[in-house]
Protein backbone atom coordinates (compact mmCIF):
# COMPACT_ATOMS: atom_id res chain seq x y z
CA MET A 1 62.79 92.03 151.73
CA LYS A 2 63.48 95.62 150.83
CA THR A 3 62.64 97.87 153.86
CA SER A 4 64.29 101.13 153.23
CA HIS A 5 61.32 103.22 152.32
CA LEU A 6 59.79 101.76 155.83
CA ILE A 7 63.04 102.83 157.49
CA LEU A 8 62.97 106.49 155.70
CA ALA A 9 59.24 107.06 156.90
CA TYR A 10 59.22 105.76 160.46
CA GLY A 11 62.79 104.52 161.52
CA THR A 12 61.89 100.96 162.59
CA ALA A 13 59.03 98.68 162.53
CA ASP A 14 58.56 99.39 166.03
CA LEU A 15 57.76 103.03 165.14
CA VAL A 16 55.47 101.98 162.17
CA SER A 17 53.50 99.72 164.79
CA ALA A 18 53.38 102.90 166.82
CA ALA A 19 52.17 105.04 164.33
CA ALA A 20 49.67 102.68 163.34
CA LEU A 21 48.19 102.69 167.13
CA THR A 22 48.14 106.87 166.92
CA ARG A 23 47.24 107.53 163.07
CA ARG A 24 43.73 106.86 162.30
CA LEU A 25 41.82 107.00 159.13
CA ASP A 26 39.43 110.26 159.72
CA ASN A 27 38.87 111.40 155.99
CA GLY A 28 35.09 111.81 156.18
CA LEU A 29 34.63 109.88 153.00
CA GLY A 30 33.02 106.57 152.52
CA LEU A 31 29.95 107.24 154.84
CA THR A 32 27.91 104.96 152.42
CA PRO A 33 29.43 102.26 150.10
CA SER A 34 30.98 103.94 147.00
CA MET A 35 28.99 103.35 143.57
CA GLY A 36 30.56 103.48 140.19
CA TRP A 37 32.37 101.41 137.57
CA SER A 38 35.84 99.62 137.34
CA GLY A 39 37.50 98.98 133.83
CA TRP A 40 39.47 95.63 134.45
CA ASN A 41 36.64 93.14 133.48
CA VAL A 42 35.79 95.17 130.24
CA ALA A 43 39.14 94.96 128.62
CA GLN A 44 41.82 94.27 131.07
CA CYS A 45 44.57 96.66 130.37
CA ASN A 46 43.21 98.23 126.98
CA SER A 47 40.50 99.73 129.19
CA ALA A 48 42.77 101.74 131.46
CA SER A 49 42.40 104.82 129.05
CA GLU A 50 40.92 108.21 128.83
CA LYS A 51 38.58 106.82 125.90
CA TYR A 52 36.90 104.34 128.16
CA ALA A 53 36.87 106.70 131.24
CA LEU A 54 34.66 109.26 129.09
CA GLU A 55 32.61 106.85 127.58
CA THR A 56 31.76 105.50 130.72
CA ALA A 57 31.17 108.98 132.38
CA ASN A 58 28.93 109.95 129.45
CA ALA A 59 27.03 106.77 129.71
CA PHE A 60 26.56 106.99 133.22
CA VAL A 61 24.88 110.29 132.57
CA SER A 62 22.75 109.54 129.69
CA LEU A 63 21.73 106.22 131.28
CA GLY A 64 20.58 107.93 134.35
CA LEU A 65 22.86 106.03 136.80
CA LYS A 66 24.54 109.43 137.85
CA ASP A 67 21.11 110.29 139.20
CA LEU A 68 20.78 107.15 141.10
CA GLY A 69 23.96 107.58 142.89
CA TYR A 70 26.89 105.85 140.75
CA GLN A 71 29.58 108.30 140.67
CA TYR A 72 33.09 106.82 140.44
CA ILE A 73 34.57 106.27 137.04
CA ASN A 74 37.59 104.13 138.01
CA ILE A 75 40.65 103.05 135.92
CA ASP A 76 42.47 99.68 136.96
CA ASP A 77 46.06 98.43 136.36
CA CYS A 78 47.98 99.69 133.45
CA TRP A 79 47.66 103.06 132.96
CA THR A 80 50.89 104.55 133.52
CA VAL A 81 53.92 103.52 131.05
CA LYS A 82 55.37 100.14 132.09
CA SER A 83 59.05 101.29 131.59
CA GLY A 84 59.20 103.01 134.91
CA ARG A 85 58.96 106.45 136.57
CA ASP A 86 60.53 109.79 135.15
CA ALA A 87 63.58 111.21 136.36
CA ASN A 88 62.02 112.67 139.43
CA GLY A 89 60.68 109.46 140.36
CA ASN A 90 57.14 110.17 139.12
CA LEU A 91 54.42 107.97 137.89
CA VAL A 92 53.80 108.53 134.01
CA PRO A 93 50.33 108.14 132.40
CA ASP A 94 50.84 106.39 128.97
CA PRO A 95 50.73 109.16 126.50
CA ASN A 96 48.97 106.49 124.20
CA LYS A 97 46.13 105.98 126.61
CA TRP A 98 46.17 109.68 128.17
CA PRO A 99 47.26 111.87 125.28
CA ARG A 100 45.76 114.92 127.26
CA GLY A 101 47.26 113.67 130.58
CA ILE A 102 45.19 112.36 133.67
CA LYS A 103 44.17 115.99 135.04
CA ALA A 104 42.21 117.23 131.97
CA VAL A 105 40.33 113.83 132.01
CA ALA A 106 39.29 114.23 135.60
CA ASP A 107 38.42 117.63 135.02
CA GLU A 108 36.19 116.87 132.25
CA ILE A 109 34.55 114.03 134.49
CA HIS A 110 34.26 116.42 137.22
CA GLY A 111 32.55 118.48 135.00
CA LEU A 112 29.72 115.79 134.38
CA GLY A 113 29.20 115.90 138.29
CA LEU A 114 31.05 112.66 138.46
CA LYS A 115 34.39 111.26 140.10
CA PHE A 116 37.38 109.97 139.01
CA GLY A 117 39.46 107.30 140.24
CA LEU A 118 42.92 105.23 139.58
CA TYR A 119 44.79 102.39 140.53
CA GLY A 120 48.20 101.78 142.35
CA CYS A 121 49.83 98.80 144.33
CA ALA A 122 51.72 98.80 147.27
CA GLY A 123 54.39 96.48 146.16
CA LYS A 124 57.46 97.26 143.84
CA LEU A 125 55.21 96.43 140.90
CA THR A 126 51.37 96.32 140.01
CA CYS A 127 49.84 92.76 139.50
CA ALA A 128 50.31 93.43 135.75
CA GLY A 129 53.81 94.50 136.01
CA TYR A 130 53.67 98.31 136.09
CA PRO A 131 55.46 100.40 138.59
CA GLY A 132 54.22 100.27 141.92
CA SER A 133 54.24 102.49 144.98
CA GLU A 134 56.69 100.78 147.20
CA GLY A 135 58.99 103.67 148.36
CA HIS A 136 56.96 106.46 146.83
CA GLU A 137 53.78 106.67 148.78
CA GLN A 138 54.22 110.30 149.67
CA GLN A 139 55.14 111.02 145.99
CA ASP A 140 52.25 109.01 144.61
CA ALA A 141 49.73 110.68 146.82
CA ARG A 142 51.02 114.25 145.91
CA SER A 143 50.45 113.20 142.17
CA LEU A 144 46.96 111.98 142.83
CA ALA A 145 45.84 115.32 144.72
CA SER A 146 47.79 117.61 141.81
CA TRP A 147 45.38 115.41 139.25
CA ASP A 148 42.13 115.96 141.48
CA VAL A 149 41.99 111.92 141.50
CA ASP A 150 39.04 111.02 144.01
CA PHE A 151 39.50 107.53 144.55
CA TRP A 152 42.67 105.33 145.06
CA LYS A 153 42.43 101.48 144.45
CA TYR A 154 45.48 100.08 146.12
CA ASP A 155 46.33 96.46 145.34
CA ASN A 156 48.58 94.10 146.92
CA CYS A 157 50.98 92.40 144.57
CA TYR A 158 54.86 92.26 144.84
CA THR A 159 54.85 93.21 148.37
CA PRO A 160 57.72 92.07 151.01
CA CYS A 161 57.06 88.24 151.52
CA LYS A 162 58.45 85.80 153.83
CA THR A 163 59.14 83.48 151.03
CA GLY A 164 60.68 84.82 147.98
CA GLY A 165 61.06 88.45 149.32
CA ASP A 166 59.16 90.97 147.17
CA ASP A 167 59.54 88.98 143.82
CA VAL A 168 56.39 87.33 144.66
CA GLN A 169 53.35 88.43 142.70
CA VAL A 170 50.76 87.17 145.27
CA CYS A 171 52.06 86.41 148.67
CA SER A 172 50.25 84.50 151.44
CA SER A 173 52.56 85.44 154.17
CA PRO A 174 53.56 89.10 154.13
CA ASP A 175 56.62 90.15 155.94
CA PRO A 176 55.76 91.80 158.55
CA SER A 177 52.45 92.69 157.90
CA THR A 178 50.18 94.39 155.22
CA LYS A 179 49.39 96.99 158.02
CA VAL A 180 52.77 98.50 157.17
CA TRP A 181 52.11 99.21 153.25
CA TYR A 182 48.72 99.97 153.83
CA GLY A 183 49.58 102.41 156.57
CA ALA A 184 52.14 104.07 154.91
CA MET A 185 49.75 105.03 151.83
CA ARG A 186 47.22 105.92 154.34
CA ASP A 187 48.98 108.45 156.13
CA ALA A 188 50.26 109.78 152.59
CA LEU A 189 46.62 110.33 151.62
CA LEU A 190 45.77 111.83 154.96
CA ASP A 191 48.59 114.06 154.29
CA VAL A 192 47.44 115.61 151.07
CA LYS A 193 43.66 115.67 152.29
CA THR A 194 43.77 119.47 152.60
CA THR A 195 44.25 119.47 149.01
CA HIS A 196 42.20 116.73 147.99
CA ASP A 197 39.83 114.18 149.17
CA ILE A 198 40.86 110.62 148.11
CA LEU A 199 38.62 107.72 148.98
CA PHE A 200 41.10 104.69 149.70
CA ASN A 201 39.88 101.09 148.71
CA MET A 202 42.25 98.37 149.79
CA CYS A 203 42.60 95.59 147.62
CA SER A 204 44.25 93.22 149.90
CA TRP A 205 42.12 90.17 149.09
CA GLY A 206 41.12 89.82 152.68
CA VAL A 207 44.69 88.89 153.95
CA GLU A 208 45.44 88.97 157.38
CA GLN A 209 41.40 89.45 158.17
CA VAL A 210 41.70 92.65 156.90
CA TRP A 211 38.02 93.56 158.17
CA GLN A 212 39.31 93.05 161.69
CA TRP A 213 41.38 96.27 161.25
CA GLY A 214 40.80 98.05 158.00
CA LYS A 215 38.55 100.57 159.72
CA THR A 216 41.52 102.52 160.67
CA TYR A 217 43.40 102.27 157.24
CA GLY A 218 41.05 102.48 154.64
CA ASN A 219 37.18 103.25 153.31
CA SER A 220 36.72 99.69 152.03
CA TRP A 221 38.75 96.44 152.13
CA ARG A 222 38.34 93.71 149.84
CA ILE A 223 37.48 90.58 151.72
CA ASP A 224 38.62 87.61 149.51
CA ASN A 225 40.43 86.74 146.32
CA ASP A 226 39.09 88.47 142.95
CA ASN A 227 35.57 87.76 141.61
CA TRP A 228 36.80 85.64 138.60
CA GLN A 229 33.70 86.24 136.55
CA ASP A 230 31.81 83.19 137.17
CA TRP A 231 28.84 82.22 139.38
CA ALA A 232 31.10 79.94 141.82
CA SER A 233 32.96 83.38 142.66
CA VAL A 234 29.77 85.01 143.57
CA GLN A 235 28.73 82.11 146.00
CA ARG A 236 32.17 82.06 147.37
CA ILE A 237 32.39 85.67 148.10
CA GLY A 238 28.75 85.95 148.84
CA SER A 239 28.78 83.46 151.56
CA LYS A 240 32.00 84.60 153.14
CA ALA A 241 30.28 88.04 153.62
CA ALA A 242 27.66 86.72 156.15
CA GLY A 243 30.38 85.87 158.79
CA ILE A 244 31.99 89.22 158.78
CA SER A 245 28.83 91.40 158.42
CA GLN A 246 29.82 93.38 161.80
CA TYR A 247 32.75 95.10 160.64
CA SER A 248 31.19 97.03 157.85
CA ALA A 249 30.12 100.63 159.16
CA PRO A 250 29.75 104.40 157.85
CA GLY A 251 33.43 105.21 156.74
CA GLY A 252 34.63 101.76 156.29
CA PHE A 253 32.90 98.58 154.49
CA ASN A 254 33.56 95.17 153.59
CA ASP A 255 34.44 95.23 149.73
CA LEU A 256 33.15 92.02 147.94
CA ASP A 257 34.85 93.25 144.73
CA MET A 258 33.27 94.30 141.55
CA LEU A 259 30.13 93.23 140.23
CA ILE A 260 30.12 91.18 137.13
CA VAL A 261 26.54 91.77 135.75
CA GLY A 262 26.16 92.37 132.28
CA ASN A 263 29.31 90.39 131.08
CA GLY A 264 27.30 87.21 129.72
CA VAL A 265 28.40 84.98 132.32
CA LEU A 266 25.30 84.89 134.79
CA THR A 267 21.82 84.24 134.04
CA GLU A 268 19.21 86.92 134.67
CA PRO A 269 18.12 85.34 137.96
CA GLN A 270 21.74 85.06 139.23
CA GLU A 271 22.33 88.66 138.13
CA ARG A 272 19.37 89.54 140.58
CA LEU A 273 20.82 87.41 143.30
CA HIS A 274 24.70 89.13 142.78
CA PHE A 275 23.51 92.63 142.89
CA GLY A 276 21.02 92.19 145.31
CA LEU A 277 23.30 90.22 147.96
CA TRP A 278 26.15 93.00 147.22
CA ALA A 279 23.64 95.58 148.13
CA ILE A 280 22.22 94.14 151.42
CA ALA A 281 25.65 93.18 152.40
CA LYS A 282 26.70 97.13 151.90
CA SER A 283 29.66 96.20 149.42
CA PRO A 284 30.50 98.87 147.24
CA LEU A 285 28.47 98.71 144.16
CA ILE A 286 31.06 98.56 141.30
CA LEU A 287 30.01 97.89 137.96
CA GLY A 288 32.29 96.11 135.65
CA THR A 289 30.66 96.12 132.50
CA ASP A 290 30.96 98.14 129.06
CA MET A 291 28.40 100.71 129.94
CA THR A 292 28.05 101.27 126.05
CA LYS A 293 26.76 97.70 125.98
CA ILE A 294 24.86 97.18 128.97
CA PRO A 295 21.88 94.92 128.13
CA SER A 296 18.68 96.22 129.04
CA SER A 297 17.69 93.58 131.51
CA THR A 298 21.20 94.28 133.54
CA LEU A 299 20.34 98.02 133.45
CA ALA A 300 17.15 97.31 134.87
CA ILE A 301 18.77 95.39 137.82
CA VAL A 302 21.51 97.92 138.59
CA SER A 303 18.95 100.86 138.24
CA ASN A 304 16.48 99.46 141.10
CA LYS A 305 16.28 102.46 143.31
CA GLY A 306 14.81 100.65 145.94
CA ILE A 307 17.78 98.05 146.35
CA ILE A 308 20.37 101.16 145.77
CA ASP A 309 18.59 102.79 148.80
CA ILE A 310 19.05 99.65 150.94
CA ASN A 311 22.64 99.83 150.04
CA GLN A 312 23.00 103.61 150.81
CA ASP A 313 21.12 103.73 153.89
CA SER A 314 22.74 105.99 156.42
CA LEU A 315 22.65 103.20 159.20
CA GLY A 316 25.40 101.48 157.24
CA VAL A 317 24.93 98.17 158.78
CA ALA A 318 25.28 95.04 156.48
CA ALA A 319 22.95 92.29 156.32
CA THR A 320 23.69 88.73 157.55
CA THR A 321 22.03 85.40 157.57
CA PHE A 322 19.59 84.10 160.17
CA GLN A 323 18.31 80.63 160.62
CA PRO A 324 14.16 80.29 161.17
CA PRO A 325 13.02 77.51 163.09
CA GLY A 326 13.32 74.26 161.20
CA ALA A 327 15.08 75.52 158.51
CA PRO A 328 18.72 73.82 157.57
CA ALA A 329 21.87 75.53 158.75
CA PRO A 330 24.16 77.57 156.68
CA VAL A 331 26.54 75.68 154.90
CA SER A 332 30.38 77.27 154.42
CA GLY A 333 30.98 78.55 150.92
CA GLN A 334 27.21 78.10 150.03
CA ILE A 335 24.71 81.22 149.61
CA TYR A 336 22.17 80.81 152.39
CA THR A 337 18.70 81.33 151.91
CA TYR A 338 17.75 83.95 154.80
CA TRP A 339 19.31 87.31 155.11
CA ALA A 340 18.32 90.32 157.08
CA GLY A 341 19.99 93.34 158.27
CA PRO A 342 18.72 96.63 160.04
CA LEU A 343 17.70 99.97 158.21
CA SER A 344 17.27 103.35 159.55
CA ASP A 345 13.67 103.02 158.89
CA GLY A 346 13.00 99.41 158.73
CA VAL A 347 14.61 96.18 157.97
CA ALA A 348 16.18 94.60 154.88
CA VAL A 349 14.98 90.88 154.03
CA GLY A 350 16.74 88.98 151.67
CA LEU A 351 15.38 85.24 150.27
CA THR A 352 17.60 83.21 147.90
CA SER A 353 16.71 80.23 145.93
CA VAL A 354 20.30 78.71 145.17
CA GLY A 355 20.63 75.42 143.35
CA SER A 356 16.87 75.25 142.23
CA ALA A 357 13.54 76.91 141.38
CA LYS A 358 11.56 76.71 144.82
CA THR A 359 8.98 78.50 146.87
CA VAL A 360 10.97 80.62 149.87
CA SER A 361 8.60 81.81 152.84
CA VAL A 362 9.47 83.32 155.82
CA ASN A 363 7.54 84.22 159.26
CA PHE A 364 8.42 87.81 160.37
CA ALA A 365 8.37 86.92 163.75
CA ASP A 366 11.40 85.00 162.91
CA VAL A 367 13.41 87.74 161.19
CA PRO A 368 16.05 89.31 163.63
CA GLY A 369 14.89 93.11 164.22
CA LEU A 370 11.18 92.39 163.38
CA GLY A 371 8.69 90.18 165.39
CA LYS A 372 5.23 88.89 166.04
CA GLY A 373 2.50 91.00 164.58
CA SER A 374 1.52 92.31 161.09
CA TRP A 375 4.27 94.23 158.91
CA THR A 376 4.13 96.42 155.76
CA TRP A 377 6.63 95.13 153.08
CA LYS A 378 7.55 96.11 149.42
CA GLU A 379 9.91 93.48 147.26
CA MET A 380 12.10 95.52 145.17
CA TYR A 381 12.53 93.63 142.21
CA SER A 382 8.95 92.81 141.27
CA GLY A 383 7.56 95.82 143.04
CA LYS A 384 5.00 93.81 145.06
CA THR A 385 3.82 95.20 148.22
CA GLY A 386 1.73 93.62 150.95
CA THR A 387 1.18 93.65 154.91
CA GLY A 388 0.94 90.58 156.95
CA GLU A 389 2.58 88.06 159.50
CA SER A 390 4.69 86.62 156.80
CA VAL A 391 5.82 86.39 153.10
CA SER A 392 6.44 83.74 150.41
CA PHE A 393 8.04 84.03 146.85
CA ASP A 394 8.31 81.69 144.02
CA LEU A 395 11.73 82.09 142.61
CA ALA A 396 13.62 80.96 140.13
CA GLU A 397 16.94 78.94 140.14
CA ASP A 398 19.57 81.28 141.70
CA ASP A 399 17.45 84.05 142.27
CA MET A 400 16.55 86.57 144.96
CA ALA A 401 13.87 88.68 146.53
CA VAL A 402 14.68 92.01 148.31
CA LEU A 403 12.31 93.20 150.76
CA LYS A 404 12.09 96.41 152.86
CA VAL A 405 10.07 95.78 155.97
CA THR A 406 8.33 98.44 157.78
CA SER A 407 6.44 98.73 161.01
CA ALA A 408 2.47 97.92 160.80
CA SER A 409 0.05 97.13 163.43
CA LYS A 410 0.92 94.68 165.97
């Protein structure tokens, strides 16, 4: 294990722990889940370029997504040269992908009223084998600030590991703890805050139950392995979110990973469920599709203002599952039928139909935060509204109804 950078920064592992107890994330950012785009699922390494960044930014404006709150244009892995850092140890943008450099592109995106994000990794290499930030945390934070970068996704590959040192791409037994390297980068970003605000997104894949401690380290944290562009991933991640909903709050949110809508891998009902569940779970809403080719059906889903407003509600409380009387219990790894969470002006209710088309009903008296009486509601995908003591929807297979319920006469 290479620990020289830790000793240089803190002296000993004990001092690292002490610093973690006294240094808290207080950057004033991420008070609602971030909204934007990430290029990895579009074209992997090839999408880490000025071309994709600017095309996406212009699409956000022309498609009306900027006006709905989508603002971050985030570049993923492979944006630097692969050969290493320059003579001064600085990260070097690939000149073939960034012929004008990073800051010129960030400035152009800022000129559109949007924000710009980059990707880094806590280990000696990124997941794709490009230079990582191990031992260069302060230096890289200064580079980001000098380029006016607004968002930093920080991955977890090639970090110190109890088995295999730091030559293991993905480690399940970190040595000593992911808190050490995420704390080092957190502190580096806080140190440059006077120059530029940078939202810190920790891509640690749920290692060491990051949701339990992430709020003092980052503005959002990945809760599980990647969303592998399939329905099974949506179910795996979505079901996991239910059990850890209490850890999301303004300033720090559970990150369910980027959305895979618009990529031809889900049915339209599955895309509605995917987007709706991520939204009520207060996950960042990061699109991962080619915005110049987004299908009209997908655009309609991700442009649903009512669902976006639920995601961006100032209360910042994530929905979780509830079990009405007589309903079967939730099953681990499967998306449950009944979801609810409080809003600043009502309650969000989600009803799903995983596995088959079905009629799904619920009495408002059984919904946490509601109770007996008549309630006013609106279902966001259909636009249907009503008042009553219960609701019922005929849903297609793997579909979702997303409601906002507000008070009426009791």
